[in-house]
Amino acid sequence: MSIEVANESGMDVDETILIDVATYVLQRMDVHPAAELAITLVDLDAIEQLHVQWLDLPGPTDVMSFPMDELTPGGRPDAVQPGPAMLGDIVICPQFAADQAKRAGHGAGHEMALLTVHGVLHLLGYDHATAAEEQEMFSLQNALLAEWYDQRDSRV
């Protein structure tokens, strides 16, 4: 996996955690090992601008995903053999995430990992527009995050 992180947020973020959790999810979802992903960390003003521009929704948000290819687990659905692809971009606002984590009663690092998983699942075509989609996506998100913590703890 090629995962690039650009921190434009002005906040100190452990980028290795984001890369590790994104790599784990992509592997578990059977995405080609040569797939590429970009994660950009931005401030509140930048995420608000993107939120308004792309979703026509006011105010900042925690994470946004911008898919490049239509993918399903295993690669492009029209490919004979799954191959590498540029998955897209995930944009996360660490300040929004830190505030959200505080309200939820957990650490900012956990929130950033959760948002990374959420963003990757969006890039892979998952959504939460309906109750059924939300149930499927959030169940998968929580399971993948729990598995990542388990395997991470066993490596340390």
N, C-alpha and C. Protein backbone atom coordinates (compact mmCIF):
# COMPACT_ATOMS: atom_id res chain seq x y z
N MET A 1 0.84 -1.18 0.00
CA MET A 1 0.00 0.00 0.00
C MET A 1 0.89 1.24 0.00
N SER A 2 0.48 2.19 -0.75
CA SER A 2 1.14 3.49 -0.72
C SER A 2 0.15 4.47 -0.09
N ILE A 3 0.48 4.92 1.11
CA ILE A 3 -0.40 5.85 1.83
C ILE A 3 0.43 7.07 2.18
N GLU A 4 0.01 8.20 1.66
CA GLU A 4 0.70 9.46 1.90
C GLU A 4 -0.15 10.30 2.85
N VAL A 5 0.49 10.90 3.84
CA VAL A 5 -0.19 11.78 4.78
C VAL A 5 0.43 13.17 4.67
N ALA A 6 -0.42 14.16 4.47
CA ALA A 6 0.02 15.56 4.45
C ALA A 6 -0.69 16.27 5.59
N ASN A 7 0.09 16.78 6.54
CA ASN A 7 -0.50 17.46 7.69
C ASN A 7 -0.45 18.96 7.47
N GLU A 8 -1.59 19.52 7.10
CA GLU A 8 -1.73 20.96 6.88
C GLU A 8 -2.58 21.59 7.97
N SER A 9 -2.79 20.84 9.06
CA SER A 9 -3.72 21.26 10.11
C SER A 9 -3.12 22.19 11.15
N GLY A 10 -1.79 22.19 11.27
CA GLY A 10 -1.16 22.97 12.32
C GLY A 10 -1.17 22.26 13.66
N MET A 11 -1.69 21.03 13.71
CA MET A 11 -1.73 20.25 14.94
C MET A 11 -0.75 19.08 14.84
N ASP A 12 -0.26 18.65 16.00
CA ASP A 12 0.63 17.50 16.05
C ASP A 12 -0.22 16.23 16.03
N VAL A 13 -0.02 15.40 15.01
CA VAL A 13 -0.79 14.17 14.84
C VAL A 13 0.19 13.03 14.58
N ASP A 14 -0.04 11.89 15.22
CA ASP A 14 0.79 10.71 14.98
C ASP A 14 0.34 10.07 13.66
N GLU A 15 1.05 10.41 12.61
CA GLU A 15 0.68 9.95 11.27
C GLU A 15 0.87 8.44 11.12
N THR A 16 1.77 7.84 11.90
CA THR A 16 2.00 6.41 11.78
C THR A 16 0.76 5.61 12.15
N ILE A 17 -0.03 6.11 13.09
CA ILE A 17 -1.27 5.44 13.47
C ILE A 17 -2.24 5.44 12.30
N LEU A 18 -2.36 6.58 11.63
CA LEU A 18 -3.29 6.70 10.50
C LEU A 18 -2.88 5.75 9.38
N ILE A 19 -1.59 5.69 9.10
CA ILE A 19 -1.09 4.80 8.05
C ILE A 19 -1.32 3.35 8.44
N ASP A 20 -1.06 3.01 9.69
CA ASP A 20 -1.20 1.64 10.15
C ASP A 20 -2.66 1.18 10.07
N VAL A 21 -3.57 1.99 10.57
CA VAL A 21 -4.99 1.57 10.56
C VAL A 21 -5.53 1.53 9.13
N ALA A 22 -5.13 2.48 8.28
CA ALA A 22 -5.59 2.47 6.89
C ALA A 22 -5.06 1.24 6.17
N THR A 23 -3.79 0.92 6.38
CA THR A 23 -3.20 -0.27 5.77
C THR A 23 -3.94 -1.53 6.21
N TYR A 24 -4.22 -1.62 7.50
CA TYR A 24 -4.92 -2.79 8.03
C TYR A 24 -6.29 -2.94 7.36
N VAL A 25 -7.05 -1.87 7.28
CA VAL A 25 -8.39 -1.94 6.69
C VAL A 25 -8.32 -2.31 5.22
N LEU A 26 -7.41 -1.71 4.49
CA LEU A 26 -7.29 -2.03 3.06
C LEU A 26 -6.92 -3.49 2.84
N GLN A 27 -6.03 -4.02 3.68
CA GLN A 27 -5.67 -5.43 3.57
C GLN A 27 -6.86 -6.32 3.91
N ARG A 28 -7.57 -6.00 4.98
CA ARG A 28 -8.72 -6.81 5.40
C ARG A 28 -9.85 -6.77 4.36
N MET A 29 -9.95 -5.67 3.63
CA MET A 29 -10.99 -5.53 2.62
C MET A 29 -10.50 -6.03 1.26
N ASP A 30 -9.34 -6.67 1.25
CA ASP A 30 -8.79 -7.32 0.06
C ASP A 30 -8.56 -6.35 -1.10
N VAL A 31 -8.07 -5.16 -0.76
CA VAL A 31 -7.71 -4.18 -1.78
C VAL A 31 -6.29 -4.50 -2.24
N HIS A 32 -6.04 -4.37 -3.52
CA HIS A 32 -4.74 -4.69 -4.11
C HIS A 32 -3.62 -4.02 -3.32
N PRO A 33 -2.55 -4.75 -3.03
CA PRO A 33 -1.46 -4.20 -2.21
C PRO A 33 -0.73 -3.00 -2.82
N ALA A 34 -0.90 -2.76 -4.11
CA ALA A 34 -0.25 -1.60 -4.73
C ALA A 34 -1.18 -0.39 -4.81
N ALA A 35 -2.34 -0.47 -4.16
CA ALA A 35 -3.29 0.65 -4.18
C ALA A 35 -2.68 1.87 -3.48
N GLU A 36 -3.14 3.04 -3.90
CA GLU A 36 -2.64 4.30 -3.35
C GLU A 36 -3.75 5.06 -2.68
N LEU A 37 -3.39 5.73 -1.58
CA LEU A 37 -4.34 6.50 -0.79
C LEU A 37 -3.64 7.75 -0.29
N ALA A 38 -4.35 8.86 -0.27
CA ALA A 38 -3.81 10.10 0.30
C ALA A 38 -4.71 10.53 1.46
N ILE A 39 -4.08 10.88 2.57
CA ILE A 39 -4.79 11.41 3.73
C ILE A 39 -4.25 12.81 3.98
N THR A 40 -5.15 13.79 3.99
CA THR A 40 -4.76 15.16 4.25
C THR A 40 -5.43 15.63 5.53
N LEU A 41 -4.64 16.20 6.41
CA LEU A 41 -5.14 16.74 7.67
C LEU A 41 -5.22 18.25 7.52
N VAL A 42 -6.39 18.81 7.82
CA VAL A 42 -6.61 20.24 7.59
C VAL A 42 -7.20 20.90 8.83
N ASP A 43 -7.23 22.22 8.81
CA ASP A 43 -7.80 22.97 9.93
C ASP A 43 -9.31 23.15 9.74
N LEU A 44 -9.94 23.76 10.72
CA LEU A 44 -11.40 23.93 10.70
C LEU A 44 -11.88 24.73 9.49
N ASP A 45 -11.17 25.79 9.14
CA ASP A 45 -11.59 26.61 8.01
C ASP A 45 -11.56 25.82 6.70
N ALA A 46 -10.50 25.04 6.51
CA ALA A 46 -10.36 24.27 5.26
C ALA A 46 -11.44 23.20 5.15
N ILE A 47 -11.71 22.47 6.25
CA ILE A 47 -12.73 21.41 6.18
C ILE A 47 -14.11 22.02 6.00
N GLU A 48 -14.35 23.19 6.60
CA GLU A 48 -15.65 23.85 6.41
C GLU A 48 -15.82 24.26 4.95
N GLN A 49 -14.77 24.79 4.35
CA GLN A 49 -14.85 25.18 2.94
C GLN A 49 -15.16 23.98 2.06
N LEU A 50 -14.50 22.85 2.29
CA LEU A 50 -14.77 21.63 1.52
C LEU A 50 -16.19 21.13 1.76
N HIS A 51 -16.63 21.20 3.01
CA HIS A 51 -17.97 20.73 3.37
C HIS A 51 -19.05 21.52 2.63
N VAL A 52 -18.87 22.82 2.57
CA VAL A 52 -19.82 23.68 1.85
C VAL A 52 -19.72 23.44 0.35
N GLN A 53 -18.49 23.42 -0.17
CA GLN A 53 -18.27 23.28 -1.61
C GLN A 53 -18.79 21.96 -2.17
N TRP A 54 -18.51 20.84 -1.49
CA TRP A 54 -18.82 19.54 -2.05
C TRP A 54 -20.12 18.93 -1.57
N LEU A 55 -20.56 19.27 -0.36
CA LEU A 55 -21.80 18.68 0.16
C LEU A 55 -22.89 19.71 0.39
N ASP A 56 -22.57 20.97 0.16
CA ASP A 56 -23.51 22.07 0.36
C ASP A 56 -24.10 22.05 1.77
N LEU A 57 -23.23 21.73 2.73
CA LEU A 57 -23.64 21.70 4.14
C LEU A 57 -22.82 22.72 4.91
N PRO A 58 -23.47 23.47 5.80
CA PRO A 58 -22.75 24.51 6.53
C PRO A 58 -21.88 23.95 7.66
N GLY A 59 -20.85 24.69 8.01
CA GLY A 59 -20.02 24.35 9.15
C GLY A 59 -18.98 23.29 8.85
N PRO A 60 -18.02 23.15 9.77
CA PRO A 60 -16.98 22.14 9.60
C PRO A 60 -17.52 20.74 9.88
N THR A 61 -16.74 19.74 9.52
CA THR A 61 -17.08 18.34 9.78
C THR A 61 -15.79 17.61 10.16
N ASP A 62 -15.91 16.33 10.47
CA ASP A 62 -14.76 15.58 10.94
C ASP A 62 -13.94 14.97 9.80
N VAL A 63 -14.60 14.32 8.84
CA VAL A 63 -13.90 13.62 7.78
C VAL A 63 -14.70 13.69 6.49
N MET A 64 -13.99 13.78 5.38
CA MET A 64 -14.61 13.71 4.06
C MET A 64 -13.75 12.79 3.19
N SER A 65 -14.41 12.08 2.28
CA SER A 65 -13.71 11.16 1.38
C SER A 65 -14.02 11.54 -0.06
N PHE A 66 -12.98 11.45 -0.88
CA PHE A 66 -13.09 11.78 -2.29
C PHE A 66 -12.55 10.62 -3.10
N PRO A 67 -13.43 9.66 -3.48
CA PRO A 67 -12.97 8.48 -4.23
C PRO A 67 -12.52 8.82 -5.64
N MET A 68 -11.50 8.09 -6.09
CA MET A 68 -10.99 8.28 -7.45
C MET A 68 -11.54 7.23 -8.41
N ASP A 69 -11.64 5.98 -7.95
CA ASP A 69 -12.15 4.89 -8.77
C ASP A 69 -13.32 4.25 -8.04
N GLU A 70 -14.24 3.69 -8.80
CA GLU A 70 -15.31 2.89 -8.19
C GLU A 70 -14.72 1.55 -7.84
N LEU A 71 -14.58 1.27 -6.57
CA LEU A 71 -13.95 0.04 -6.12
C LEU A 71 -14.88 -0.78 -5.26
N THR A 72 -14.62 -2.05 -5.26
CA THR A 72 -15.25 -2.95 -4.31
C THR A 72 -14.11 -3.77 -3.70
N PRO A 73 -14.34 -4.42 -2.58
CA PRO A 73 -13.26 -5.26 -2.06
C PRO A 73 -12.77 -6.22 -3.15
N GLY A 74 -11.46 -6.27 -3.31
CA GLY A 74 -10.89 -7.12 -4.36
C GLY A 74 -10.47 -6.33 -5.58
N GLY A 75 -10.78 -5.02 -5.63
CA GLY A 75 -10.32 -4.21 -6.75
C GLY A 75 -11.47 -3.70 -7.60
N ARG A 76 -11.15 -3.25 -8.80
CA ARG A 76 -12.17 -2.71 -9.70
C ARG A 76 -13.11 -3.82 -10.13
N PRO A 77 -14.43 -3.55 -10.10
CA PRO A 77 -15.37 -4.60 -10.44
C PRO A 77 -15.30 -5.05 -11.89
N ASP A 78 -14.76 -4.21 -12.79
CA ASP A 78 -14.69 -4.57 -14.20
C ASP A 78 -13.35 -5.19 -14.58
N ALA A 79 -12.44 -5.35 -13.62
CA ALA A 79 -11.12 -5.90 -13.92
C ALA A 79 -11.14 -7.42 -13.84
N VAL A 80 -10.45 -8.06 -14.78
CA VAL A 80 -10.34 -9.52 -14.74
C VAL A 80 -9.52 -9.92 -13.53
N GLN A 81 -8.36 -9.33 -13.37
CA GLN A 81 -7.52 -9.54 -12.20
C GLN A 81 -7.47 -8.23 -11.45
N PRO A 82 -7.77 -8.23 -10.15
CA PRO A 82 -7.68 -6.97 -9.41
C PRO A 82 -6.29 -6.39 -9.51
N GLY A 83 -6.23 -5.08 -9.69
CA GLY A 83 -4.94 -4.43 -9.84
C GLY A 83 -4.86 -3.18 -9.00
N PRO A 84 -3.72 -2.53 -9.04
CA PRO A 84 -3.55 -1.32 -8.24
C PRO A 84 -4.43 -0.20 -8.75
N ALA A 85 -4.78 0.69 -7.86
CA ALA A 85 -5.60 1.83 -8.23
C ALA A 85 -5.36 2.95 -7.24
N MET A 86 -5.62 4.17 -7.68
CA MET A 86 -5.63 5.31 -6.77
C MET A 86 -7.01 5.32 -6.14
N LEU A 87 -7.07 5.01 -4.86
CA LEU A 87 -8.35 4.93 -4.17
C LEU A 87 -9.01 6.29 -4.05
N GLY A 88 -8.22 7.29 -3.68
CA GLY A 88 -8.76 8.62 -3.52
C GLY A 88 -8.12 9.32 -2.34
N ASP A 89 -8.83 10.32 -1.86
CA ASP A 89 -8.32 11.16 -0.78
C ASP A 89 -9.28 11.13 0.40
N ILE A 90 -8.70 11.12 1.58
CA ILE A 90 -9.45 11.29 2.83
C ILE A 90 -8.95 12.60 3.43
N VAL A 91 -9.87 13.45 3.83
CA VAL A 91 -9.53 14.71 4.47
C VAL A 91 -10.10 14.67 5.88
N ILE A 92 -9.24 14.86 6.88
CA ILE A 92 -9.64 14.80 8.28
C ILE A 92 -9.25 16.11 8.96
N CYS A 93 -10.11 16.58 9.84
CA CYS A 93 -9.82 17.77 10.63
C CYS A 93 -9.49 17.35 12.06
N PRO A 94 -8.21 17.34 12.44
CA PRO A 94 -7.82 16.91 13.78
C PRO A 94 -8.44 17.74 14.91
N GLN A 95 -8.63 19.04 14.69
CA GLN A 95 -9.23 19.87 15.74
C GLN A 95 -10.68 19.45 15.98
N PHE A 96 -11.43 19.24 14.91
CA PHE A 96 -12.81 18.78 15.03
C PHE A 96 -12.82 17.40 15.70
N ALA A 97 -11.88 16.55 15.30
CA ALA A 97 -11.80 15.20 15.87
C ALA A 97 -11.49 15.25 17.36
N ALA A 98 -10.59 16.13 17.77
CA ALA A 98 -10.24 16.25 19.18
C ALA A 98 -11.44 16.70 20.01
N ASP A 99 -12.19 17.66 19.50
CA ASP A 99 -13.40 18.12 20.20
C ASP A 99 -14.44 17.01 20.26
N GLN A 100 -14.59 16.29 19.18
CA GLN A 100 -15.55 15.19 19.10
C GLN A 100 -15.16 14.06 20.07
N ALA A 101 -13.86 13.78 20.15
CA ALA A 101 -13.36 12.75 21.06
C ALA A 101 -13.64 13.12 22.51
N LYS A 102 -13.43 14.37 22.84
CA LYS A 102 -13.68 14.84 24.19
C LYS A 102 -15.15 14.64 24.57
N ARG A 103 -16.05 14.98 23.65
CA ARG A 103 -17.49 14.80 23.91
C ARG A 103 -17.85 13.32 24.03
N ALA A 104 -17.15 12.46 23.29
CA ALA A 104 -17.43 11.02 23.30
C ALA A 104 -16.75 10.31 24.47
N GLY A 105 -15.81 10.99 25.12
CA GLY A 105 -15.15 10.41 26.27
C GLY A 105 -13.99 9.47 25.93
N HIS A 106 -13.37 9.66 24.78
CA HIS A 106 -12.18 8.88 24.46
C HIS A 106 -11.10 9.82 23.92
N GLY A 107 -9.93 9.27 23.65
CA GLY A 107 -8.80 10.07 23.22
C GLY A 107 -8.87 10.50 21.76
N ALA A 108 -8.13 11.56 21.47
CA ALA A 108 -8.09 12.08 20.09
C ALA A 108 -7.45 11.07 19.14
N GLY A 109 -6.47 10.30 19.62
CA GLY A 109 -5.84 9.29 18.76
C GLY A 109 -6.84 8.24 18.31
N HIS A 110 -7.70 7.81 19.23
CA HIS A 110 -8.74 6.84 18.89
C HIS A 110 -9.70 7.44 17.86
N GLU A 111 -10.07 8.69 18.07
CA GLU A 111 -10.99 9.34 17.14
C GLU A 111 -10.38 9.45 15.75
N MET A 112 -9.10 9.78 15.67
CA MET A 112 -8.43 9.88 14.38
C MET A 112 -8.37 8.52 13.69
N ALA A 113 -8.11 7.46 14.45
CA ALA A 113 -8.11 6.10 13.87
C ALA A 113 -9.50 5.75 13.36
N LEU A 114 -10.52 6.04 14.15
CA LEU A 114 -11.91 5.75 13.76
C LEU A 114 -12.27 6.51 12.48
N LEU A 115 -11.91 7.77 12.42
CA LEU A 115 -12.23 8.58 11.23
C LEU A 115 -11.48 8.08 10.00
N THR A 116 -10.28 7.57 10.20
CA THR A 116 -9.53 7.00 9.08
C THR A 116 -10.24 5.76 8.54
N VAL A 117 -10.67 4.88 9.44
CA VAL A 117 -11.43 3.70 9.01
C VAL A 117 -12.69 4.14 8.28
N HIS A 118 -13.40 5.10 8.84
CA HIS A 118 -14.63 5.61 8.24
C HIS A 118 -14.36 6.13 6.82
N GLY A 119 -13.30 6.91 6.69
CA GLY A 119 -12.96 7.47 5.39
C GLY A 119 -12.60 6.41 4.37
N VAL A 120 -11.83 5.41 4.80
CA VAL A 120 -11.46 4.32 3.88
C VAL A 120 -12.70 3.57 3.42
N LEU A 121 -13.62 3.30 4.33
CA LEU A 121 -14.84 2.59 3.94
C LEU A 121 -15.65 3.40 2.93
N HIS A 122 -15.69 4.71 3.10
CA HIS A 122 -16.37 5.54 2.09
C HIS A 122 -15.69 5.39 0.73
N LEU A 123 -14.36 5.38 0.72
CA LEU A 123 -13.64 5.23 -0.55
C LEU A 123 -13.94 3.89 -1.20
N LEU A 124 -14.26 2.89 -0.39
CA LEU A 124 -14.57 1.55 -0.91
C LEU A 124 -16.05 1.39 -1.25
N GLY A 125 -16.81 2.47 -1.17
CA GLY A 125 -18.19 2.44 -1.62
C GLY A 125 -19.24 2.31 -0.54
N TYR A 126 -18.83 2.26 0.70
CA TYR A 126 -19.80 2.17 1.80
C TYR A 126 -20.36 3.56 2.10
N ASP A 127 -21.61 3.59 2.55
CA ASP A 127 -22.26 4.86 2.86
C ASP A 127 -23.20 4.66 4.02
N HIS A 128 -23.76 5.75 4.51
CA HIS A 128 -24.70 5.67 5.62
C HIS A 128 -25.88 6.60 5.40
N ALA A 129 -26.35 6.63 4.15
CA ALA A 129 -27.48 7.48 3.79
C ALA A 129 -28.81 6.91 4.29
N THR A 130 -28.92 5.60 4.38
CA THR A 130 -30.14 4.97 4.89
C THR A 130 -29.81 4.25 6.19
N ALA A 131 -30.82 3.89 6.93
CA ALA A 131 -30.62 3.18 8.20
C ALA A 131 -29.90 1.84 7.98
N ALA A 132 -30.27 1.13 6.93
CA ALA A 132 -29.64 -0.16 6.64
C ALA A 132 -28.17 0.02 6.27
N GLU A 133 -27.87 1.02 5.44
CA GLU A 133 -26.49 1.30 5.07
C GLU A 133 -25.68 1.73 6.30
N GLU A 134 -26.28 2.54 7.14
CA GLU A 134 -25.60 2.99 8.35
C GLU A 134 -25.26 1.81 9.26
N GLN A 135 -26.21 0.92 9.42
CA GLN A 135 -25.98 -0.27 10.26
C GLN A 135 -24.82 -1.10 9.70
N GLU A 136 -24.85 -1.34 8.38
CA GLU A 136 -23.80 -2.14 7.76
C GLU A 136 -22.43 -1.46 7.89
N MET A 137 -22.37 -0.17 7.55
CA MET A 137 -21.09 0.53 7.55
C MET A 137 -20.52 0.66 8.95
N PHE A 138 -21.36 1.07 9.91
CA PHE A 138 -20.85 1.30 11.25
C PHE A 138 -20.50 -0.01 11.96
N SER A 139 -21.21 -1.08 11.66
CA SER A 139 -20.85 -2.39 12.22
C SER A 139 -19.49 -2.83 11.69
N LEU A 140 -19.30 -2.69 10.38
CA LEU A 140 -18.02 -3.04 9.78
C LEU A 140 -16.91 -2.14 10.31
N GLN A 141 -17.17 -0.85 10.40
CA GLN A 141 -16.20 0.11 10.91
C GLN A 141 -15.76 -0.27 12.33
N ASN A 142 -16.71 -0.56 13.20
CA ASN A 142 -16.39 -0.91 14.59
C ASN A 142 -15.64 -2.23 14.68
N ALA A 143 -16.03 -3.20 13.85
CA ALA A 143 -15.34 -4.50 13.86
C ALA A 143 -13.90 -4.35 13.38
N LEU A 144 -13.70 -3.61 12.29
CA LEU A 144 -12.35 -3.42 11.76
C LEU A 144 -11.47 -2.67 12.76
N LEU A 145 -12.02 -1.66 13.40
CA LEU A 145 -11.25 -0.90 14.37
C LEU A 145 -10.87 -1.78 15.56
N ALA A 146 -11.79 -2.58 16.04
CA ALA A 146 -11.51 -3.49 17.17
C ALA A 146 -10.45 -4.51 16.78
N GLU A 147 -10.55 -5.07 15.56
CA GLU A 147 -9.56 -6.04 15.08
C GLU A 147 -8.18 -5.39 14.97
N TRP A 148 -8.16 -4.15 14.48
CA TRP A 148 -6.89 -3.44 14.34
C TRP A 148 -6.23 -3.26 15.71
N TYR A 149 -7.02 -2.85 16.69
CA TYR A 149 -6.47 -2.70 18.04
C TYR A 149 -5.93 -4.03 18.55
N ASP A 150 -6.68 -5.11 18.33
CA ASP A 150 -6.24 -6.43 18.80
C ASP A 150 -4.91 -6.82 18.15
N GLN A 151 -4.82 -6.71 16.83
CA GLN A 151 -3.58 -7.10 16.15
C GLN A 151 -2.46 -6.15 16.48
N ARG A 152 -2.76 -4.88 16.68
CA ARG A 152 -1.72 -3.90 17.04
C ARG A 152 -1.15 -4.22 18.42
N ASP A 153 -2.04 -4.54 19.35
CA ASP A 153 -1.59 -4.87 20.70
C ASP A 153 -0.73 -6.13 20.71
N SER A 154 -1.03 -7.07 19.82
CA SER A 154 -0.25 -8.31 19.78
C SER A 154 1.13 -8.09 19.15
N ARG A 155 1.29 -7.04 18.36
CA ARG A 155 2.59 -6.72 17.75
C ARG A 155 3.51 -5.98 18.70
N VAL A 156 2.91 -5.28 19.66
CA VAL A 156 3.71 -4.42 20.56
C VAL A 156 4.26 -5.20 21.71
